Amino acid sequence: MRFSIIKVLQLAITLLACAFLLVPAIQSVLAGLTVNYFKGVSSGLTLKWLWKVWELYADSIFLSIWLALSCLVCTIIIGVPAAYALAKNPGWISRILEEFISLPLAVPGLALALALLQLYGTMQGFRTSWSFILVGHVLYTLPFMVRSVLAVLAAIDLKTLEEGAATLGAGSLRRFCDVVVPNAMPGILAGALTVVTLSIGEFNLTWMLHTPYLKTLPVGLADSYASMRLEIASAYTLIFFVMIVPLLTAMQWASNRAQRISA
């Protein structure tokens, strides 16, 4: 009897948490499909707000996707070898370097953006290009990739695996590509999920770095809420969900599959 009560309480708490998270999102999405926000669903349903958002912010949507994918590539290229070097050379120097890599997490996004503006603000060509925002996203998300991969490498006997590959004649690059990367794949995919999520949804840093011609999804969303009617802003939110949810679901599936294979 007591066990049944505990299960009911757990289910009730889970449903309440889901409702707390989903109800505002559902309400916002419905507002983007109604003719008049203030009258609600009773005013009728329409897709015209979605087309309006696409006309106004298609460039922002594609820019966010491009930035997230570019950020993912950069963090993998930088983060995986960095995590491998830290795992292969444990010690106080590695710990200091790890904390240094994680430093952007402790700095507010606005402060990090201000530092980038002070450093690169006079480089006009770079300042007005999408790569300037990409630098900020990489700095902000790189610690998540490094820590995810480092956690996986720390859990395996990396030294024994490398020694076994070396006895078979594998060089350092071959060992990294054929031994380290496959074993670190669950961490890479978990880090990739975090990097893509944070890059697409990052606002504070991007708001400071963007230009009128370089608006990402969150910046465009804030702009639509501030300057236009709520139906358009809500339709923008719906498009955001349509773009991000399938991507995150696919990456979560790939991460779980990699964990099952490695197990």
Protein backbone atom coordinates (compact mmCIF):
# COMPACT_ATOMS: atom_id res chain seq x y z
CA MET A 1 0.00 0.00 0.00
CA ARG A 2 2.77 2.38 0.97
CA PHE A 3 4.68 1.52 -2.22
CA SER A 4 1.60 2.36 -4.32
CA ILE A 5 1.22 5.74 -2.62
CA ILE A 6 4.86 6.57 -3.34
CA LYS A 7 4.41 5.63 -7.00
CA VAL A 8 1.29 7.81 -7.27
CA LEU A 9 3.13 10.73 -5.68
CA GLN A 10 6.06 10.30 -8.05
CA LEU A 11 3.72 10.19 -11.03
CA ALA A 12 1.83 13.25 -9.79
CA ILE A 13 5.03 15.25 -9.28
CA THR A 14 6.27 14.24 -12.74
CA LEU A 15 3.00 15.28 -14.38
CA LEU A 16 3.02 18.60 -12.52
CA ALA A 17 6.59 19.27 -13.62
CA CYS A 18 5.67 18.44 -17.24
CA ALA A 19 2.62 20.70 -17.06
CA PHE A 20 4.73 23.50 -15.58
CA LEU A 21 7.11 23.23 -18.53
CA LEU A 22 4.70 22.45 -21.36
CA VAL A 23 1.60 24.55 -20.68
CA PRO A 24 3.29 27.95 -21.25
CA ALA A 25 4.94 26.62 -24.42
CA ILE A 26 1.64 25.22 -25.73
CA GLN A 27 -0.15 28.47 -24.95
CA SER A 28 2.51 30.46 -26.79
CA VAL A 29 2.33 28.13 -29.80
CA LEU A 30 -1.47 28.36 -29.98
CA ALA A 31 -1.25 32.15 -29.91
CA GLY A 32 0.80 32.00 -33.10
CA LEU A 33 -1.96 30.05 -34.85
CA THR A 34 -4.92 32.22 -33.85
CA VAL A 35 -6.35 35.11 -35.85
CA ASN A 36 -6.42 37.36 -32.79
CA TYR A 37 -4.29 36.72 -29.70
CA PHE A 38 -6.66 38.54 -27.32
CA LYS A 39 -9.69 36.53 -28.44
CA GLY A 40 -7.84 33.22 -28.40
CA VAL A 41 -8.79 30.12 -30.36
CA SER A 42 -12.37 31.35 -30.65
CA SER A 43 -11.19 33.94 -33.21
CA GLY A 44 -10.20 31.11 -35.56
CA LEU A 45 -6.98 29.44 -36.65
CA THR A 46 -4.61 30.70 -39.32
CA LEU A 47 -1.12 30.12 -40.74
CA LYS A 48 -0.57 33.66 -41.93
CA TRP A 49 1.58 34.57 -38.92
CA LEU A 50 3.94 31.69 -39.71
CA TRP A 51 4.38 32.95 -43.27
CA LYS A 52 4.90 36.46 -41.94
CA VAL A 53 7.66 35.26 -39.63
CA TRP A 54 9.29 33.32 -42.44
CA GLU A 55 9.26 36.43 -44.65
CA LEU A 56 10.78 38.60 -41.94
CA TYR A 57 13.18 36.24 -40.17
CA ALA A 58 14.17 33.45 -42.58
CA ASP A 59 17.74 34.77 -42.60
CA SER A 60 17.86 34.62 -38.79
CA ILE A 61 16.70 31.01 -38.79
CA PHE A 62 19.31 29.90 -41.31
CA LEU A 63 22.01 31.93 -39.54
CA SER A 64 21.27 30.23 -36.21
CA ILE A 65 21.45 26.77 -37.75
CA TRP A 66 24.68 27.63 -39.58
CA LEU A 67 26.23 29.09 -36.40
CA ALA A 68 25.23 26.05 -34.32
CA LEU A 69 26.69 23.58 -36.84
CA SER A 70 29.86 25.65 -37.28
CA CYS A 71 30.21 25.94 -33.52
CA LEU A 72 29.80 22.17 -33.20
CA VAL A 73 32.56 21.54 -35.76
CA CYS A 74 34.91 24.01 -34.05
CA THR A 75 34.31 22.62 -30.56
CA ILE A 76 34.91 19.06 -31.79
CA ILE A 77 38.13 20.03 -33.58
CA ILE A 78 39.41 21.95 -30.54
CA GLY A 79 37.72 20.19 -27.65
CA VAL A 80 38.33 16.50 -28.39
CA PRO A 81 42.15 16.82 -28.76
CA ALA A 82 42.21 19.14 -25.74
CA ALA A 83 40.30 16.62 -23.60
CA TYR A 84 42.59 13.85 -24.85
CA ALA A 85 45.68 15.85 -23.87
CA LEU A 86 44.26 16.57 -20.41
CA ALA A 87 43.30 12.90 -19.87
CA LYS A 88 46.67 11.64 -21.10
CA ASN A 89 48.68 14.00 -18.88
CA PRO A 90 46.99 14.14 -15.48
CA GLY A 91 48.47 16.47 -12.92
CA TRP A 92 48.20 19.93 -11.46
CA ILE A 93 49.04 21.63 -14.75
CA SER A 94 46.20 19.80 -16.47
CA ARG A 95 43.85 20.79 -13.67
CA ILE A 96 44.82 24.44 -14.06
CA LEU A 97 44.31 24.25 -17.82
CA GLU A 98 40.94 22.57 -17.33
CA GLU A 99 39.81 25.36 -15.01
CA PHE A 100 41.10 27.93 -17.49
CA ILE A 101 39.05 26.34 -20.29
CA SER A 102 35.99 26.41 -18.03
CA LEU A 103 36.50 30.08 -17.14
CA PRO A 104 33.96 31.41 -19.71
CA LEU A 105 31.23 29.57 -17.77
CA ALA A 106 31.92 31.73 -14.73
CA VAL A 107 31.91 34.97 -16.73
CA PRO A 108 28.53 36.52 -17.68
CA GLY A 109 27.81 36.41 -21.39
CA LEU A 110 27.62 40.21 -21.56
CA ALA A 111 31.08 40.53 -20.00
CA LEU A 112 32.52 37.96 -22.40
CA ALA A 113 30.97 39.79 -25.35
CA LEU A 114 32.35 43.10 -24.10
CA ALA A 115 35.83 41.58 -23.92
CA LEU A 116 35.51 40.35 -27.52
CA LEU A 117 34.32 43.78 -28.64
CA GLN A 118 37.29 45.46 -26.96
CA LEU A 119 39.70 42.98 -28.54
CA TYR A 120 38.26 42.72 -32.07
CA GLY A 121 35.89 45.70 -32.29
CA THR A 122 38.24 47.72 -34.49
CA MET A 123 38.54 44.92 -37.08
CA GLN A 124 35.65 46.09 -39.26
CA GLY A 125 35.53 43.16 -41.67
CA PHE A 126 35.64 40.63 -38.85
CA ARG A 127 33.36 42.63 -36.55
CA THR A 128 30.51 42.67 -39.07
CA SER A 129 30.76 39.01 -40.11
CA TRP A 130 29.01 35.96 -38.69
CA SER A 131 32.38 34.50 -37.69
CA PHE A 132 32.62 37.13 -34.94
CA ILE A 133 29.51 35.72 -33.28
CA LEU A 134 30.88 32.23 -33.89
CA VAL A 135 33.99 33.03 -31.83
CA GLY A 136 31.78 34.00 -28.89
CA HIS A 137 29.70 30.83 -29.21
CA VAL A 138 32.81 28.64 -29.36
CA LEU A 139 34.27 30.28 -26.26
CA TYR A 140 30.99 29.78 -24.40
CA THR A 141 30.32 26.17 -25.44
CA LEU A 142 33.85 24.73 -25.61
CA PRO A 143 33.98 23.84 -21.87
CA PHE A 144 30.94 21.58 -22.26
CA MET A 145 32.57 19.59 -25.05
CA VAL A 146 35.88 19.29 -23.20
CA ARG A 147 34.26 18.18 -19.94
CA SER A 148 31.94 15.67 -21.63
CA VAL A 149 34.79 14.00 -23.52
CA LEU A 150 37.14 14.20 -20.54
CA ALA A 151 34.60 12.45 -18.30
CA VAL A 152 34.40 9.51 -20.74
CA LEU A 153 38.17 9.27 -21.21
CA ALA A 154 38.69 9.36 -17.45
CA ALA A 155 36.37 6.37 -17.05
CA ILE A 156 38.32 4.08 -19.41
CA ASP A 157 41.82 2.63 -19.18
CA LEU A 158 43.23 4.95 -21.81
CA LYS A 159 46.85 4.08 -21.13
CA THR A 160 46.33 0.33 -21.64
CA LEU A 161 44.34 0.86 -24.83
CA GLU A 162 47.03 3.08 -26.30
CA GLU A 163 49.81 0.70 -25.30
CA GLY A 164 47.94 -2.17 -26.96
CA ALA A 165 47.52 -0.14 -30.15
CA ALA A 166 51.19 0.91 -30.06
CA THR A 167 52.35 -2.71 -29.85
CA LEU A 168 50.41 -3.34 -33.07
CA GLY A 169 52.35 -0.59 -34.80
CA ALA A 170 49.83 2.26 -34.58
CA GLY A 171 51.35 5.74 -34.49
CA SER A 172 50.09 8.59 -32.32
CA LEU A 173 47.65 9.92 -34.94
CA ARG A 174 46.35 6.42 -35.71
CA ARG A 175 45.85 5.72 -32.01
CA PHE A 176 43.93 8.95 -31.61
CA CYS A 177 41.64 8.33 -34.60
CA ASP A 178 41.12 4.57 -34.20
CA VAL A 179 41.24 4.14 -30.41
CA VAL A 180 40.56 7.40 -28.58
CA VAL A 181 37.80 8.87 -30.77
CA PRO A 182 35.64 5.68 -30.96
CA ASN A 183 35.87 5.20 -27.18
CA ALA A 184 35.11 8.87 -26.56
CA MET A 185 32.11 8.90 -28.92
CA PRO A 186 29.44 8.88 -26.17
CA GLY A 187 31.10 11.95 -24.64
CA ILE A 188 31.44 13.63 -28.03
CA LEU A 189 27.76 13.11 -28.82
CA ALA A 190 26.69 14.26 -25.36
CA GLY A 191 28.86 17.34 -25.74
CA ALA A 192 27.49 17.91 -29.25
CA LEU A 193 23.93 17.85 -27.90
CA THR A 194 24.83 20.49 -25.32
CA VAL A 195 26.82 22.63 -27.76
CA VAL A 196 24.05 22.74 -30.39
CA THR A 197 21.39 23.46 -27.77
CA LEU A 198 23.35 26.28 -26.17
CA SER A 199 24.46 27.79 -29.47
CA ILE A 200 20.95 27.98 -30.93
CA GLY A 201 19.43 29.32 -27.70
CA GLU A 202 22.24 31.68 -26.62
CA PHE A 203 21.00 35.26 -26.24
CA ASN A 204 23.05 37.46 -23.89
CA LEU A 205 26.38 37.12 -25.66
CA THR A 206 24.82 37.14 -29.14
CA TRP A 207 22.74 40.23 -28.38
CA MET A 208 25.93 42.18 -27.69
CA LEU A 209 27.78 40.85 -30.74
CA HIS A 210 25.06 40.92 -33.39
CA THR A 211 24.54 43.59 -36.02
CA PRO A 212 21.22 44.60 -37.67
CA TYR A 213 22.07 42.21 -40.52
CA LEU A 214 23.14 39.32 -38.27
CA LYS A 215 20.26 38.34 -36.01
CA THR A 216 20.04 34.83 -34.62
CA LEU A 217 16.85 33.06 -33.54
CA PRO A 218 16.83 34.30 -29.91
CA VAL A 219 17.71 37.87 -30.94
CA GLY A 220 15.01 37.84 -33.61
CA LEU A 221 12.55 36.43 -31.09
CA ALA A 222 13.30 39.24 -28.64
CA ASP A 223 12.96 41.75 -31.47
CA SER A 224 9.60 40.32 -32.53
CA TYR A 225 8.24 40.46 -28.97
CA ALA A 226 9.47 44.02 -28.50
CA SER A 227 8.37 45.57 -31.79
CA MET A 228 5.52 43.52 -33.27
CA ARG A 229 2.16 42.02 -32.34
CA LEU A 230 2.12 38.96 -30.13
CA GLU A 231 0.75 36.65 -32.82
CA ILE A 232 3.95 37.06 -34.85
CA ALA A 233 6.15 36.57 -31.78
CA SER A 234 4.24 33.41 -30.86
CA ALA A 235 4.49 32.10 -34.42
CA TYR A 236 8.21 32.75 -34.21
CA THR A 237 8.31 30.60 -31.07
CA LEU A 238 6.49 27.80 -32.91
CA ILE A 239 9.04 27.89 -35.74
CA PHE A 240 11.82 27.81 -33.15
CA PHE A 241 10.36 24.63 -31.63
CA VAL A 242 9.82 23.04 -35.05
CA MET A 243 13.47 23.67 -35.94
CA ILE A 244 15.13 22.66 -32.66
CA VAL A 245 13.07 19.74 -31.32
CA PRO A 246 13.70 17.28 -34.21
CA LEU A 247 17.40 18.18 -34.20
CA LEU A 248 17.74 17.60 -30.47
CA THR A 249 15.72 14.38 -30.66
CA ALA A 250 17.99 13.02 -33.40
CA MET A 251 21.13 13.93 -31.48
CA GLN A 252 19.74 12.41 -28.28
CA TRP A 253 18.98 9.18 -30.18
CA ALA A 254 22.53 9.11 -31.59
CA SER A 255 23.99 9.69 -28.13
CA ASN A 256 21.96 6.87 -26.57
CA ARG A 257 22.86 4.52 -29.42
CA ALA A 258 26.57 5.30 -29.01
CA GLN A 259 26.34 4.59 -25.28
CA ARG A 260 24.65 1.22 -25.92
CA ILE A 261 27.30 0.26 -28.50
CA SER A 262 30.17 1.25 -26.21
CA ALA A 263 28.63 -0.69 -23.34
